[in-house]
Amino acid sequence: MPKIRVLVADDQTLVRTGFRVILETEGDIEVVAEAATGTEAIRQAQLAAPDVILMDIRMPEMDGLAATEEILRQPDPPTIVVLTTFDQNEYVYRALHAGAAGFLLKDAPSSRLIAAVRAAATGDSLIEPSITRRLVERFAAPAEPVGRPPELAALTERELDVLRLIARGRSNAEIAAELVVAETTVKTHVARILTKLGVRDRVQAVVVAYRTGFATTGSE
């Protein structure tokens, strides 16, 4: 089985080296390139053909968000996971609209880094619950929960279970393990949830869950 090809874009050498060491201890992941600027990230995305890019936001020449927008405009682009910190809510919101597949705190444990790369490589996404909550608190104006929100009326009970776990930042693999079902079953549920809610991706589904009061910042 081919390895997951990763590009690490961060202006700090120690961060790039640390991520490389962590990722390359896994037999299914290979760091094929590094970039210290947004401009270099765009170039390496074309030259190295990575499957996944770990993209820092604050970089010289061109920031990671501008680089993300440029890369995702290209045909058949790689999946991009944005690296962020707690004080970057507006940046996260912009990255969401640019099409980033996930968000990861720069000081997240190695297990979350590895899980985020694997999830992104399979078309899934992994979003730190703390980032999702801050994003929703800032932009979604959560409602007080009163029974099942009418916006979620079309969802089955199992789909509501899946949505609740998505709102907690779980990947498809983690949801499958928690609900004791196959990961393919979870993917089917997620696809149906997105269709029924009329949203583009699971991040937007999470925003709906918080905005309607179905999920709350204390629901973990």
N, C-alpha and C. Protein backbone atom coordinates (compact mmCIF):
# COMPACT_ATOMS: atom_id res chain seq x y z
N MET A 1 0.85 -1.20 0.00
CA MET A 1 0.00 0.00 0.00
C MET A 1 0.87 1.24 0.00
N PRO A 2 0.61 2.20 -0.89
CA PRO A 2 1.44 3.41 -0.94
C PRO A 2 1.30 4.23 0.34
N LYS A 3 2.37 4.91 0.69
CA LYS A 3 2.36 5.74 1.89
C LYS A 3 1.61 7.05 1.65
N ILE A 4 1.13 7.62 2.73
CA ILE A 4 0.51 8.95 2.67
C ILE A 4 1.62 9.97 2.54
N ARG A 5 1.58 10.76 1.48
CA ARG A 5 2.62 11.74 1.21
C ARG A 5 2.24 13.09 1.84
N VAL A 6 3.12 13.62 2.68
CA VAL A 6 2.80 14.81 3.45
C VAL A 6 3.80 15.93 3.17
N LEU A 7 3.27 17.15 3.02
CA LEU A 7 4.08 18.36 2.96
C LEU A 7 3.85 19.13 4.25
N VAL A 8 4.92 19.49 4.94
CA VAL A 8 4.83 20.27 6.17
C VAL A 8 5.24 21.70 5.88
N ALA A 9 4.31 22.64 6.04
CA ALA A 9 4.59 24.05 5.77
C ALA A 9 4.51 24.84 7.07
N ASP A 10 5.65 25.29 7.55
CA ASP A 10 5.73 26.07 8.80
C ASP A 10 7.04 26.84 8.78
N ASP A 11 7.02 28.08 9.25
CA ASP A 11 8.23 28.89 9.17
C ASP A 11 9.25 28.56 10.26
N GLN A 12 8.89 27.70 11.20
CA GLN A 12 9.81 27.33 12.27
C GLN A 12 10.45 25.97 11.98
N THR A 13 11.76 25.96 11.87
CA THR A 13 12.48 24.74 11.55
C THR A 13 12.23 23.64 12.57
N LEU A 14 12.20 24.00 13.85
CA LEU A 14 12.00 23.00 14.88
C LEU A 14 10.62 22.35 14.78
N VAL A 15 9.62 23.14 14.41
CA VAL A 15 8.27 22.58 14.25
C VAL A 15 8.25 21.60 13.09
N ARG A 16 8.84 21.99 11.97
CA ARG A 16 8.86 21.09 10.81
C ARG A 16 9.61 19.80 11.13
N THR A 17 10.73 19.94 11.80
CA THR A 17 11.52 18.76 12.16
C THR A 17 10.75 17.86 13.12
N GLY A 18 10.10 18.48 14.09
CA GLY A 18 9.33 17.70 15.05
C GLY A 18 8.20 16.93 14.39
N PHE A 19 7.49 17.60 13.49
CA PHE A 19 6.40 16.92 12.79
C PHE A 19 6.94 15.78 11.92
N ARG A 20 8.07 16.02 11.26
CA ARG A 20 8.66 14.96 10.42
C ARG A 20 9.00 13.74 11.26
N VAL A 21 9.63 13.96 12.40
CA VAL A 21 10.03 12.85 13.27
C VAL A 21 8.80 12.07 13.73
N ILE A 22 7.76 12.79 14.15
CA ILE A 22 6.54 12.14 14.63
C ILE A 22 5.88 11.34 13.52
N LEU A 23 5.72 11.95 12.36
CA LEU A 23 4.98 11.30 11.28
C LEU A 23 5.74 10.12 10.69
N GLU A 24 7.05 10.25 10.58
CA GLU A 24 7.81 9.19 9.92
C GLU A 24 8.10 8.01 10.83
N THR A 25 7.64 8.06 12.08
CA THR A 25 7.68 6.86 12.92
C THR A 25 6.55 5.91 12.52
N GLU A 26 5.59 6.43 11.75
CA GLU A 26 4.47 5.62 11.28
C GLU A 26 4.81 5.03 9.91
N GLY A 27 4.57 3.76 9.75
CA GLY A 27 4.95 3.08 8.52
C GLY A 27 4.17 3.49 7.30
N ASP A 28 3.02 4.13 7.50
CA ASP A 28 2.16 4.47 6.36
C ASP A 28 2.23 5.94 5.98
N ILE A 29 3.15 6.70 6.60
CA ILE A 29 3.24 8.14 6.33
C ILE A 29 4.67 8.52 5.94
N GLU A 30 4.80 9.38 4.93
CA GLU A 30 6.11 9.86 4.50
C GLU A 30 6.05 11.37 4.28
N VAL A 31 6.97 12.10 4.89
CA VAL A 31 7.08 13.54 4.66
C VAL A 31 7.92 13.73 3.40
N VAL A 32 7.30 14.20 2.33
CA VAL A 32 7.98 14.28 1.04
C VAL A 32 8.57 15.67 0.77
N ALA A 33 8.15 16.68 1.56
CA ALA A 33 8.68 18.02 1.34
C ALA A 33 8.36 18.90 2.55
N GLU A 34 9.11 20.01 2.66
CA GLU A 34 8.87 21.01 3.68
C GLU A 34 8.85 22.39 3.02
N ALA A 35 8.21 23.33 3.69
CA ALA A 35 8.17 24.71 3.19
C ALA A 35 8.18 25.66 4.37
N ALA A 36 8.92 26.77 4.24
CA ALA A 36 9.01 27.76 5.31
C ALA A 36 8.21 29.01 5.02
N THR A 37 7.65 29.10 3.80
CA THR A 37 6.83 30.26 3.42
C THR A 37 5.61 29.78 2.65
N GLY A 38 4.61 30.64 2.54
CA GLY A 38 3.45 30.28 1.75
C GLY A 38 3.78 30.09 0.29
N THR A 39 4.67 30.92 -0.22
CA THR A 39 5.08 30.81 -1.62
C THR A 39 5.74 29.47 -1.89
N GLU A 40 6.62 29.05 -0.96
CA GLU A 40 7.29 27.76 -1.10
C GLU A 40 6.30 26.61 -0.97
N ALA A 41 5.29 26.77 -0.12
CA ALA A 41 4.27 25.73 0.03
C ALA A 41 3.55 25.49 -1.30
N ILE A 42 3.23 26.58 -2.00
CA ILE A 42 2.57 26.44 -3.30
C ILE A 42 3.47 25.70 -4.28
N ARG A 43 4.74 26.08 -4.30
CA ARG A 43 5.70 25.44 -5.22
C ARG A 43 5.87 23.96 -4.90
N GLN A 44 6.03 23.65 -3.62
CA GLN A 44 6.23 22.25 -3.23
C GLN A 44 4.97 21.42 -3.44
N ALA A 45 3.81 22.05 -3.32
CA ALA A 45 2.57 21.32 -3.58
C ALA A 45 2.52 20.84 -5.02
N GLN A 46 3.11 21.63 -5.93
CA GLN A 46 3.14 21.25 -7.34
C GLN A 46 4.25 20.24 -7.62
N LEU A 47 5.43 20.45 -7.00
CA LEU A 47 6.59 19.60 -7.28
C LEU A 47 6.50 18.23 -6.60
N ALA A 48 6.11 18.22 -5.32
CA ALA A 48 6.16 16.99 -4.54
C ALA A 48 4.88 16.17 -4.60
N ALA A 49 3.80 16.77 -5.09
CA ALA A 49 2.50 16.09 -5.22
C ALA A 49 2.10 15.37 -3.92
N PRO A 50 1.99 16.12 -2.82
CA PRO A 50 1.60 15.48 -1.55
C PRO A 50 0.12 15.11 -1.56
N ASP A 51 -0.23 14.18 -0.69
CA ASP A 51 -1.64 13.85 -0.48
C ASP A 51 -2.26 14.81 0.53
N VAL A 52 -1.44 15.19 1.53
CA VAL A 52 -1.90 16.03 2.63
C VAL A 52 -0.87 17.13 2.88
N ILE A 53 -1.35 18.34 3.14
CA ILE A 53 -0.46 19.44 3.54
C ILE A 53 -0.84 19.88 4.95
N LEU A 54 0.15 19.95 5.83
CA LEU A 54 -0.02 20.57 7.14
C LEU A 54 0.42 22.02 6.98
N MET A 55 -0.52 22.94 7.07
CA MET A 55 -0.27 24.34 6.70
C MET A 55 -0.37 25.27 7.90
N ASP A 56 0.76 25.87 8.26
CA ASP A 56 0.74 26.90 9.30
C ASP A 56 0.10 28.16 8.73
N ILE A 57 -0.47 28.98 9.60
CA ILE A 57 -1.12 30.21 9.14
C ILE A 57 -0.12 31.34 8.97
N ARG A 58 0.69 31.58 9.98
CA ARG A 58 1.58 32.74 9.97
C ARG A 58 2.94 32.36 9.39
N MET A 59 3.15 32.76 8.13
CA MET A 59 4.42 32.53 7.46
C MET A 59 4.79 33.75 6.65
N PRO A 60 6.09 33.96 6.38
CA PRO A 60 6.52 35.13 5.60
C PRO A 60 6.20 34.99 4.11
N GLU A 61 6.35 36.10 3.40
CA GLU A 61 6.10 36.20 1.95
C GLU A 61 4.61 36.10 1.62
N MET A 62 4.03 34.97 1.98
CA MET A 62 2.59 34.75 1.78
C MET A 62 2.11 33.89 2.94
N ASP A 63 1.05 34.29 3.62
CA ASP A 63 0.62 33.51 4.78
C ASP A 63 -0.05 32.20 4.33
N GLY A 64 -0.25 31.32 5.29
CA GLY A 64 -0.78 30.00 4.98
C GLY A 64 -2.19 30.01 4.43
N LEU A 65 -2.97 31.01 4.79
CA LEU A 65 -4.34 31.08 4.28
C LEU A 65 -4.36 31.43 2.80
N ALA A 66 -3.55 32.40 2.42
CA ALA A 66 -3.46 32.76 1.00
C ALA A 66 -2.92 31.58 0.19
N ALA A 67 -1.94 30.88 0.76
CA ALA A 67 -1.38 29.71 0.09
C ALA A 67 -2.44 28.61 -0.04
N THR A 68 -3.22 28.43 1.01
CA THR A 68 -4.30 27.43 0.98
C THR A 68 -5.29 27.75 -0.14
N GLU A 69 -5.70 29.00 -0.22
CA GLU A 69 -6.65 29.41 -1.25
C GLU A 69 -6.10 29.17 -2.65
N GLU A 70 -4.82 29.48 -2.83
CA GLU A 70 -4.18 29.30 -4.15
C GLU A 70 -4.07 27.82 -4.50
N ILE A 71 -3.62 27.01 -3.55
CA ILE A 71 -3.45 25.58 -3.81
C ILE A 71 -4.78 24.91 -4.13
N LEU A 72 -5.82 25.27 -3.39
CA LEU A 72 -7.12 24.62 -3.58
C LEU A 72 -7.84 25.08 -4.84
N ARG A 73 -7.30 26.10 -5.50
CA ARG A 73 -7.84 26.50 -6.80
C ARG A 73 -7.28 25.64 -7.93
N GLN A 74 -6.22 24.88 -7.65
CA GLN A 74 -5.59 24.08 -8.68
C GLN A 74 -6.39 22.79 -8.92
N PRO A 75 -6.25 22.18 -10.10
CA PRO A 75 -6.94 20.91 -10.37
C PRO A 75 -6.43 19.81 -9.45
N ASP A 76 -7.35 18.99 -8.94
CA ASP A 76 -7.02 17.85 -8.10
C ASP A 76 -6.03 18.21 -6.99
N PRO A 77 -6.38 19.16 -6.14
CA PRO A 77 -5.44 19.61 -5.10
C PRO A 77 -5.32 18.60 -3.97
N PRO A 78 -4.24 18.71 -3.19
CA PRO A 78 -4.11 17.87 -1.99
C PRO A 78 -5.09 18.34 -0.92
N THR A 79 -5.24 17.56 0.11
CA THR A 79 -6.06 17.94 1.25
C THR A 79 -5.20 18.78 2.20
N ILE A 80 -5.78 19.85 2.73
CA ILE A 80 -5.01 20.75 3.59
C ILE A 80 -5.59 20.77 4.99
N VAL A 81 -4.71 20.52 5.97
CA VAL A 81 -5.06 20.64 7.38
C VAL A 81 -4.34 21.87 7.91
N VAL A 82 -5.09 22.81 8.44
CA VAL A 82 -4.53 24.08 8.90
C VAL A 82 -4.07 23.96 10.35
N LEU A 83 -2.86 24.43 10.60
CA LEU A 83 -2.31 24.46 11.95
C LEU A 83 -2.63 25.82 12.57
N THR A 84 -3.16 25.81 13.77
CA THR A 84 -3.62 27.07 14.35
C THR A 84 -3.34 27.11 15.85
N THR A 85 -3.62 28.27 16.43
CA THR A 85 -3.51 28.46 17.87
C THR A 85 -4.81 29.09 18.36
N PHE A 86 -4.95 29.20 19.67
CA PHE A 86 -6.22 29.64 20.24
C PHE A 86 -6.62 31.06 19.85
N ASP A 87 -5.66 31.90 19.47
CA ASP A 87 -5.99 33.31 19.24
C ASP A 87 -6.27 33.62 17.77
N GLN A 88 -6.62 32.61 16.99
CA GLN A 88 -6.75 32.81 15.55
C GLN A 88 -8.13 32.44 15.01
N ASN A 89 -9.18 32.82 15.72
CA ASN A 89 -10.54 32.46 15.30
C ASN A 89 -10.88 32.93 13.89
N GLU A 90 -10.59 34.20 13.59
CA GLU A 90 -10.94 34.73 12.28
C GLU A 90 -10.17 34.01 11.17
N TYR A 91 -8.92 33.64 11.46
CA TYR A 91 -8.14 32.89 10.48
C TYR A 91 -8.78 31.52 10.21
N VAL A 92 -9.24 30.88 11.28
CA VAL A 92 -9.90 29.58 11.12
C VAL A 92 -11.14 29.72 10.26
N TYR A 93 -11.91 30.78 10.48
CA TYR A 93 -13.13 31.01 9.71
C TYR A 93 -12.79 31.19 8.23
N ARG A 94 -11.74 31.93 7.94
CA ARG A 94 -11.34 32.13 6.55
C ARG A 94 -10.86 30.82 5.93
N ALA A 95 -10.11 30.04 6.70
CA ALA A 95 -9.62 28.76 6.19
C ALA A 95 -10.77 27.80 5.89
N LEU A 96 -11.79 27.84 6.74
CA LEU A 96 -12.98 27.03 6.53
C LEU A 96 -13.61 27.36 5.19
N HIS A 97 -13.75 28.63 4.88
CA HIS A 97 -14.36 29.03 3.61
C HIS A 97 -13.44 28.75 2.43
N ALA A 98 -12.15 28.71 2.67
CA ALA A 98 -11.21 28.39 1.59
C ALA A 98 -11.28 26.92 1.21
N GLY A 99 -11.77 26.07 2.12
CA GLY A 99 -11.91 24.66 1.81
C GLY A 99 -10.96 23.76 2.57
N ALA A 100 -10.34 24.26 3.64
CA ALA A 100 -9.46 23.42 4.46
C ALA A 100 -10.26 22.26 5.03
N ALA A 101 -9.63 21.08 5.09
CA ALA A 101 -10.34 19.88 5.51
C ALA A 101 -10.34 19.68 7.01
N GLY A 102 -9.46 20.39 7.71
CA GLY A 102 -9.40 20.20 9.15
C GLY A 102 -8.55 21.26 9.80
N PHE A 103 -8.63 21.30 11.11
CA PHE A 103 -7.86 22.26 11.89
C PHE A 103 -7.21 21.52 13.05
N LEU A 104 -5.96 21.84 13.31
CA LEU A 104 -5.22 21.15 14.35
C LEU A 104 -4.43 22.17 15.16
N LEU A 105 -4.53 22.07 16.47
CA LEU A 105 -3.72 22.94 17.32
C LEU A 105 -2.24 22.55 17.19
N LYS A 106 -1.39 23.55 17.14
CA LYS A 106 0.04 23.28 16.94
C LYS A 106 0.65 22.51 18.10
N ASP A 107 0.03 22.60 19.28
CA ASP A 107 0.58 21.86 20.42
C ASP A 107 -0.23 20.60 20.72
N ALA A 108 -0.99 20.12 19.72
CA ALA A 108 -1.77 18.89 19.91
C ALA A 108 -0.84 17.71 20.12
N PRO A 109 -1.28 16.69 20.84
CA PRO A 109 -0.45 15.50 21.03
C PRO A 109 -0.18 14.80 19.71
N SER A 110 0.89 14.04 19.67
CA SER A 110 1.30 13.37 18.44
C SER A 110 0.22 12.46 17.89
N SER A 111 -0.57 11.84 18.77
CA SER A 111 -1.62 10.94 18.30
C SER A 111 -2.66 11.69 17.47
N ARG A 112 -2.96 12.95 17.85
CA ARG A 112 -3.93 13.74 17.10
C ARG A 112 -3.36 14.17 15.75
N LEU A 113 -2.07 14.49 15.72
CA LEU A 113 -1.41 14.85 14.47
C LEU A 113 -1.49 13.69 13.49
N ILE A 114 -1.14 12.51 13.94
CA ILE A 114 -1.17 11.33 13.09
C ILE A 114 -2.59 11.04 12.62
N ALA A 115 -3.54 11.13 13.55
CA ALA A 115 -4.94 10.87 13.20
C ALA A 115 -5.46 11.87 12.18
N ALA A 116 -5.04 13.14 12.32
CA ALA A 116 -5.48 14.18 11.39
C ALA A 116 -4.97 13.90 9.99
N VAL A 117 -3.72 13.47 9.88
CA VAL A 117 -3.14 13.17 8.56
C VAL A 117 -3.86 11.98 7.93
N ARG A 118 -4.07 10.94 8.71
CA ARG A 118 -4.75 9.76 8.16
C ARG A 118 -6.19 10.08 7.77
N ALA A 119 -6.87 10.86 8.58
CA ALA A 119 -8.25 11.22 8.27
C ALA A 119 -8.31 12.03 6.98
N ALA A 120 -7.42 13.01 6.86
CA ALA A 120 -7.40 13.86 5.67
C ALA A 120 -7.11 13.04 4.42
N ALA A 121 -6.24 12.06 4.54
CA ALA A 121 -5.85 11.25 3.38
C ALA A 121 -7.00 10.39 2.87
N THR A 122 -7.96 10.10 3.72
CA THR A 122 -9.09 9.27 3.32
C THR A 122 -10.34 10.08 3.01
N GLY A 123 -10.19 11.41 2.95
CA GLY A 123 -11.33 12.25 2.65
C GLY A 123 -12.16 12.60 3.86
N ASP A 124 -11.69 12.21 5.03
CA ASP A 124 -12.35 12.52 6.29
C ASP A 124 -11.77 13.84 6.78
N SER A 125 -12.17 14.29 7.95
CA SER A 125 -11.56 15.46 8.54
C SER A 125 -11.54 15.31 10.04
N LEU A 126 -10.58 15.96 10.66
CA LEU A 126 -10.48 15.93 12.11
C LEU A 126 -10.31 17.36 12.58
N ILE A 127 -11.23 17.79 13.39
CA ILE A 127 -11.23 19.17 13.87
C ILE A 127 -11.20 19.16 15.38
N GLU A 128 -10.22 19.80 15.96
CA GLU A 128 -10.13 19.83 17.41
C GLU A 128 -11.41 20.41 18.00
N PRO A 129 -12.03 19.71 18.95
CA PRO A 129 -13.28 20.22 19.55
C PRO A 129 -13.14 21.63 20.11
N SER A 130 -11.99 21.95 20.69
CA SER A 130 -11.80 23.29 21.25
C SER A 130 -11.85 24.35 20.17
N ILE A 131 -11.31 24.05 19.00
CA ILE A 131 -11.35 25.00 17.88
C ILE A 131 -12.78 25.16 17.38
N THR A 132 -13.49 24.04 17.23
CA THR A 132 -14.87 24.09 16.77
C THR A 132 -15.71 24.93 17.72
N ARG A 133 -15.55 24.72 19.00
CA ARG A 133 -16.36 25.45 19.98
C ARG A 133 -16.09 26.94 19.92
N ARG A 134 -14.83 27.32 19.84
CA ARG A 134 -14.50 28.74 19.78
C ARG A 134 -15.03 29.35 18.49
N LEU A 135 -14.94 28.62 17.40
CA LEU A 135 -15.45 29.10 16.12
C LEU A 135 -16.95 29.33 16.19
N VAL A 136 -17.65 28.34 16.76
CA VAL A 136 -19.10 28.45 16.84
C VAL A 136 -19.52 29.56 17.80
N GLU A 137 -18.83 29.65 18.94
CA GLU A 137 -19.15 30.71 19.90
C GLU A 137 -18.99 32.09 19.26
N ARG A 138 -18.02 32.21 18.38
CA ARG A 138 -17.72 33.50 17.76
C ARG A 138 -18.68 33.82 16.62
N PHE A 139 -19.05 32.79 15.83
CA PHE A 139 -19.76 33.07 14.59
C PHE A 139 -21.17 32.49 14.47
N ALA A 140 -21.53 31.52 15.31
CA ALA A 140 -22.79 30.82 15.06
C ALA A 140 -23.93 31.19 15.98
N ALA A 141 -23.68 31.94 17.04
CA ALA A 141 -24.73 32.35 17.97
C ALA A 141 -25.60 31.17 18.39
N PRO A 142 -25.05 30.23 19.20
CA PRO A 142 -25.80 29.03 19.57
C PRO A 142 -27.14 29.36 20.24
N ALA A 143 -28.11 28.53 19.96
CA ALA A 143 -29.43 28.70 20.57
C ALA A 143 -29.55 27.82 21.81
N GLU A 144 -30.57 28.11 22.61
CA GLU A 144 -30.85 27.26 23.75
C GLU A 144 -31.56 26.00 23.25
N PRO A 145 -31.09 24.80 23.69
CA PRO A 145 -31.72 23.57 23.21
C PRO A 145 -33.14 23.41 23.74
N VAL A 146 -34.08 23.12 22.84
CA VAL A 146 -35.46 22.86 23.23
C VAL A 146 -35.95 21.68 22.39
N GLY A 147 -35.77 20.45 22.92
CA GLY A 147 -36.13 19.27 22.15
C GLY A 147 -35.27 19.15 20.90
N ARG A 148 -35.81 18.44 19.91
CA ARG A 148 -35.08 18.32 18.66
C ARG A 148 -35.34 19.55 17.80
N PRO A 149 -34.28 20.25 17.38
CA PRO A 149 -34.47 21.44 16.54
C PRO A 149 -35.14 21.07 15.22
N PRO A 150 -36.03 21.91 14.71
CA PRO A 150 -36.70 21.59 13.45
C PRO A 150 -35.73 21.42 12.28
N GLU A 151 -34.58 22.09 12.34
CA GLU A 151 -33.58 21.95 11.27
C GLU A 151 -33.04 20.53 11.18
N LEU A 152 -33.18 19.78 12.27
CA LEU A 152 -32.65 18.41 12.31
C LEU A 152 -33.75 17.36 12.23
N ALA A 153 -34.96 17.78 11.91
CA ALA A 153 -36.10 16.88 11.94
C ALA A 153 -35.96 15.71 10.98
N ALA A 154 -35.24 15.91 9.89
CA ALA A 154 -35.12 14.85 8.88
C ALA A 154 -34.11 13.78 9.25
N LEU A 155 -33.31 14.02 10.28
CA LEU A 155 -32.27 13.06 10.66
C LEU A 155 -32.84 11.92 11.49
N THR A 156 -32.34 10.72 11.24
CA THR A 156 -32.72 9.57 12.05
C THR A 156 -31.99 9.63 13.39
N GLU A 157 -32.39 8.77 14.32
CA GLU A 157 -31.74 8.75 15.62
C GLU A 157 -30.25 8.41 15.48
N ARG A 158 -29.94 7.47 14.62
CA ARG A 158 -28.52 7.11 14.44
C ARG A 158 -27.75 8.26 13.79
N GLU A 159 -28.38 8.96 12.87
CA GLU A 159 -27.71 10.11 12.27
C GLU A 159 -27.48 11.22 13.29
N LEU A 160 -28.41 11.37 14.23
CA LEU A 160 -28.21 12.33 15.32
C LEU A 160 -27.04 11.91 16.20
N ASP A 161 -26.92 10.61 16.45
CA ASP A 161 -25.77 10.11 17.22
C ASP A 161 -24.46 10.47 16.53
N VAL A 162 -24.44 10.27 15.22
CA VAL A 162 -23.23 10.57 14.45
C VAL A 162 -22.94 12.07 14.46
N LEU A 163 -23.96 12.88 14.28
CA LEU A 163 -23.77 14.33 14.29
C LEU A 163 -23.25 14.79 15.64
N ARG A 164 -23.76 14.22 16.71
CA ARG A 164 -23.30 14.59 18.05
C ARG A 164 -21.80 14.31 18.20
N LEU A 165 -21.35 13.19 17.67
CA LEU A 165 -19.93 12.84 17.77
C LEU A 165 -19.08 13.69 16.82
N ILE A 166 -19.62 14.02 15.67
CA ILE A 166 -18.90 14.94 14.77
C ILE A 166 -18.67 16.27 15.48
N ALA A 167 -19.70 16.74 16.20
CA ALA A 167 -19.60 18.01 16.91
C ALA A 167 -18.56 17.96 18.02
N ARG A 168 -18.22 16.77 18.46
CA ARG A 168 -17.19 16.61 19.48
C ARG A 168 -15.79 16.45 18.87
N GLY A 169 -15.71 16.56 17.55
CA GLY A 169 -14.42 16.51 16.89
C GLY A 169 -13.95 15.12 16.52
N ARG A 170 -14.84 14.14 16.56
CA ARG A 170 -14.45 12.77 16.25
C ARG A 170 -14.28 12.56 14.75
N SER A 171 -13.30 11.77 14.38
CA SER A 171 -13.13 11.37 12.98
C SER A 171 -14.07 10.21 12.69
N ASN A 172 -14.19 9.82 11.42
CA ASN A 172 -15.05 8.69 11.08
C ASN A 172 -14.60 7.42 11.78
N ALA A 173 -13.30 7.19 11.84
CA ALA A 173 -12.79 5.98 12.49
C ALA A 173 -13.14 5.98 13.98
N GLU A 174 -13.03 7.12 14.63
CA GLU A 174 -13.36 7.21 16.05
C GLU A 174 -14.85 7.02 16.29
N ILE A 175 -15.68 7.57 15.39
CA ILE A 175 -17.13 7.39 15.51
C ILE A 175 -17.49 5.91 15.34
N ALA A 176 -16.86 5.27 14.36
CA ALA A 176 -17.12 3.85 14.12
C ALA A 176 -16.80 3.02 15.36
N ALA A 177 -15.68 3.33 15.99
CA ALA A 177 -15.28 2.58 17.18
C ALA A 177 -16.26 2.81 18.33
N GLU A 178 -16.70 4.05 18.49
CA GLU A 178 -17.60 4.38 19.60
C GLU A 178 -18.99 3.79 19.41
N LEU A 179 -19.47 3.76 18.17
CA LEU A 179 -20.81 3.24 17.90
C LEU A 179 -20.80 1.75 17.55
N VAL A 180 -19.59 1.18 17.47
CA VAL A 180 -19.41 -0.24 17.15
C VAL A 180 -20.07 -0.58 15.80
N VAL A 181 -19.70 0.19 14.79
CA VAL A 181 -20.16 -0.07 13.43
C VAL A 181 -18.97 0.04 12.49
N ALA A 182 -19.16 -0.34 11.24
CA ALA A 182 -18.08 -0.23 10.26
C ALA A 182 -17.86 1.22 9.87
N GLU A 183 -16.61 1.55 9.52
CA GLU A 183 -16.31 2.93 9.13
C GLU A 183 -17.07 3.32 7.87
N THR A 184 -17.29 2.35 6.97
CA THR A 184 -18.06 2.64 5.75
C THR A 184 -19.49 3.04 6.10
N THR A 185 -20.03 2.45 7.17
CA THR A 185 -21.38 2.80 7.62
C THR A 185 -21.41 4.25 8.11
N VAL A 186 -20.37 4.64 8.84
CA VAL A 186 -20.28 6.02 9.33
C VAL A 186 -20.20 6.97 8.16
N LYS A 187 -19.39 6.66 7.15
CA LYS A 187 -19.27 7.53 5.98
C LYS A 187 -20.62 7.72 5.30
N THR A 188 -21.41 6.64 5.24
CA THR A 188 -22.74 6.74 4.65
C THR A 188 -23.62 7.66 5.47
N HIS A 189 -23.57 7.51 6.80
CA HIS A 189 -24.36 8.38 7.67
C HIS A 189 -23.95 9.85 7.50
N VAL A 190 -22.65 10.09 7.44
CA VAL A 190 -22.16 11.47 7.30
C VAL A 190 -22.66 12.07 5.99
N ALA A 191 -22.57 11.31 4.91
CA ALA A 191 -23.03 11.80 3.61
C ALA A 191 -24.52 12.14 3.65
N ARG A 192 -25.31 11.32 4.32
CA ARG A 192 -26.74 11.58 4.41
C ARG A 192 -27.04 12.80 5.27
N ILE A 193 -26.27 12.96 6.35
CA ILE A 193 -26.43 14.13 7.21
C ILE A 193 -26.18 15.41 6.43
N LEU A 194 -25.08 15.44 5.66
CA LEU A 194 -24.75 16.63 4.89
C LEU A 194 -25.84 16.94 3.87
N THR A 195 -26.35 15.89 3.22
CA THR A 195 -27.41 16.09 2.23
C THR A 195 -28.68 16.63 2.87
N LYS A 196 -29.08 16.03 3.98
CA LYS A 196 -30.32 16.43 4.64
C LYS A 196 -30.23 17.85 5.22
N LEU A 197 -29.04 18.22 5.70
CA LEU A 197 -28.87 19.55 6.26
C LEU A 197 -28.59 20.60 5.18
N GLY A 198 -28.28 20.14 3.98
CA GLY A 198 -27.99 21.06 2.89
C GLY A 198 -26.69 21.82 3.09
N VAL A 199 -25.67 21.14 3.64
CA VAL A 199 -24.39 21.78 3.91
C VAL A 199 -23.29 21.10 3.11
N ARG A 200 -22.17 21.82 2.95
CA ARG A 200 -21.08 21.35 2.10
C ARG A 200 -20.22 20.30 2.77
N ASP A 201 -19.94 20.48 4.05
CA ASP A 201 -19.01 19.59 4.72
C ASP A 201 -19.37 19.45 6.19
N ARG A 202 -18.60 18.61 6.90
CA ARG A 202 -18.93 18.31 8.28
C ARG A 202 -18.71 19.50 9.20
N VAL A 203 -17.83 20.40 8.83
CA VAL A 203 -17.63 21.59 9.66
C VAL A 203 -18.91 22.42 9.67
N GLN A 204 -19.53 22.61 8.51
CA GLN A 204 -20.78 23.36 8.44
C GLN A 204 -21.89 22.62 9.18
N ALA A 205 -21.85 21.29 9.15
CA ALA A 205 -22.83 20.51 9.91
C ALA A 205 -22.68 20.76 11.40
N VAL A 206 -21.43 20.88 11.85
CA VAL A 206 -21.18 21.16 13.26
C VAL A 206 -21.72 22.54 13.64
N VAL A 207 -21.53 23.51 12.76
CA VAL A 207 -22.04 24.85 13.04
C VAL A 207 -23.56 24.81 13.20
N VAL A 208 -24.24 24.03 12.34
CA VAL A 208 -25.69 23.89 12.46
C VAL A 208 -26.04 23.26 13.81
N ALA A 209 -25.28 22.23 14.19
CA ALA A 209 -25.57 21.54 15.45
C ALA A 209 -25.46 22.48 16.64
N TYR A 210 -24.46 23.36 16.64
CA TYR A 210 -24.30 24.31 17.74
C TYR A 210 -25.31 25.44 17.65
N ARG A 211 -25.53 25.94 16.45
CA ARG A 211 -26.42 27.09 16.29
C ARG A 211 -27.84 26.76 16.73
N THR A 212 -28.26 25.51 16.49
CA THR A 212 -29.61 25.11 16.85
C THR A 212 -29.73 24.68 18.30
N GLY A 213 -28.58 24.58 19.00
CA GLY A 213 -28.62 24.14 20.38
C GLY A 213 -28.56 22.64 20.56
N PHE A 214 -28.49 21.88 19.45
CA PHE A 214 -28.38 20.42 19.54
C PHE A 214 -27.08 20.02 20.23
N ALA A 215 -26.00 20.71 19.88
CA ALA A 215 -24.72 20.53 20.57
C ALA A 215 -24.43 21.80 21.35
N THR A 216 -23.76 21.65 22.46
CA THR A 216 -23.40 22.80 23.29
C THR A 216 -21.94 22.72 23.65
N THR A 217 -21.37 23.82 24.09
CA THR A 217 -19.95 23.85 24.41
C THR A 217 -19.62 22.99 25.62
N GLY A 218 -20.62 22.55 26.36
CA GLY A 218 -20.35 21.69 27.50
C GLY A 218 -20.79 20.26 27.28
N SER A 219 -20.98 19.88 25.99
CA SER A 219 -21.58 18.57 25.69
C SER A 219 -20.58 17.45 25.67
N GLU A 220 -19.30 17.73 25.83
CA GLU A 220 -18.29 16.67 25.73
C GLU A 220 -18.43 15.69 26.88
